[in-house]
């Protein structure tokens, strides 16, 4: 069996250590760990893009200004077709 040495920050090591069950090895803990995929909703993607922008990576400020403007316009006048069923009879 091949062995690979890794470095962990102390908080990650303590979390891994707390996850051990009895005399379980760290390898076993990692094997049963779940690494869920991040959300792929529009809001999650926008949040990630904004984080990248804040770190000076990703979309330009001009793009965020456009998205903010569109969002404001949508909230003022949502694109909903009038319905004849809404009219008072």
Protein backbone atom coordinates (compact mmCIF):
# COMPACT_ATOMS: atom_id res chain seq x y z
CA UNK A 1 0.00 0.00 0.00
CA UNK A 2 1.38 3.42 -0.99
CA UNK A 3 1.43 6.16 1.63
CA UNK A 4 1.19 9.91 0.99
CA UNK A 5 2.02 12.54 3.60
CA UNK A 6 -0.22 15.63 3.66
CA UNK A 7 -0.19 18.86 5.64
CA UNK A 8 -3.29 20.14 7.41
CA UNK A 9 -3.99 23.33 9.27
CA UNK A 10 -4.66 22.73 12.96
CA UNK A 11 -8.42 23.33 12.76
CA UNK A 12 -8.75 20.80 9.92
CA UNK A 13 -6.65 18.25 11.83
CA UNK A 14 -8.80 18.68 14.96
CA UNK A 15 -11.97 18.26 12.92
CA UNK A 16 -10.60 15.10 11.32
CA UNK A 17 -9.49 13.79 14.71
CA UNK A 18 -12.97 14.38 16.23
CA UNK A 19 -14.54 12.47 13.33
CA UNK A 20 -12.61 9.30 14.18
CA UNK A 21 -14.59 6.41 15.64
CA UNK A 22 -12.59 4.48 18.19
CA UNK A 23 -9.33 3.24 16.71
CA UNK A 24 -10.35 4.13 13.17
CA UNK A 25 -7.55 5.40 10.95
CA UNK A 26 -7.52 8.87 9.41
CA UNK A 27 -7.69 7.16 6.00
CA UNK A 28 -10.97 5.49 7.00
CA UNK A 29 -12.39 8.80 8.18
CA UNK A 30 -11.53 10.44 4.85
CA UNK A 31 -12.98 7.50 2.91
CA UNK A 32 -16.37 7.85 4.60
CA UNK A 33 -16.39 11.65 4.37
CA UNK A 34 -18.92 13.24 2.03
CA UNK A 35 -17.87 16.11 -0.16
CA UNK A 36 -21.14 17.41 -1.56
CA UNK A 37 -21.15 19.40 -4.77
CA UNK A 38 -21.93 23.10 -4.32
CA UNK A 39 -25.38 24.40 -5.17
CA UNK A 40 -25.88 25.23 -8.81
CA UNK A 41 -28.81 27.61 -8.44
CA UNK A 42 -28.69 31.01 -10.10
CA UNK A 43 -28.36 32.67 -6.69
CA UNK A 44 -25.43 30.43 -5.75
CA UNK A 45 -23.70 31.13 -9.05
CA UNK A 46 -24.21 34.88 -8.61
CA UNK A 47 -22.87 34.70 -5.05
CA UNK A 48 -19.77 32.86 -6.25
CA UNK A 49 -19.29 35.36 -9.06
CA UNK A 50 -19.58 38.26 -6.61
CA UNK A 51 -16.98 36.60 -4.36
CA UNK A 52 -14.65 36.30 -7.36
CA UNK A 53 -15.24 39.97 -8.20
CA UNK A 54 -14.44 40.95 -4.61
CA UNK A 55 -11.17 39.04 -4.94
CA UNK A 56 -10.45 40.95 -8.18
CA UNK A 57 -11.17 37.85 -10.28
CA UNK A 58 -14.07 37.01 -12.55
CA UNK A 59 -16.70 39.37 -13.93
CA UNK A 60 -16.16 43.09 -14.32
CA UNK A 61 -17.97 45.66 -12.18
CA UNK A 62 -19.83 46.75 -15.31
CA UNK A 63 -21.50 43.32 -15.43
CA UNK A 64 -22.63 43.57 -11.79
CA UNK A 65 -23.98 47.07 -12.37
CA UNK A 66 -26.00 45.73 -15.30
CA UNK A 67 -27.37 42.82 -13.24
CA UNK A 68 -28.29 45.17 -10.40
CA UNK A 69 -30.06 47.53 -12.82
CA UNK A 70 -32.02 44.68 -14.45
CA UNK A 71 -33.00 43.31 -11.04
CA UNK A 72 -34.24 46.76 -9.93
CA UNK A 73 -36.23 47.20 -13.15
CA UNK A 74 -37.79 43.74 -12.75
CA UNK A 75 -38.88 44.46 -9.18
CA UNK A 76 -40.48 47.78 -10.24
CA UNK A 77 -42.36 46.36 -13.24
CA UNK A 78 -42.37 42.57 -13.33
CA UNK A 79 -42.91 41.01 -16.75
CA UNK A 80 -46.32 39.50 -16.12
CA UNK A 81 -48.92 39.59 -18.83
CA UNK A 82 -52.24 41.06 -17.74
CA UNK A 83 -54.97 38.49 -17.34
CA UNK A 84 -58.61 39.02 -18.14
CA UNK A 85 -59.36 36.96 -15.03
CA UNK A 86 -57.87 39.66 -12.80
CA UNK A 87 -60.37 42.30 -13.88
CA UNK A 88 -63.21 43.03 -11.52
CA UNK A 89 -66.52 41.97 -13.05
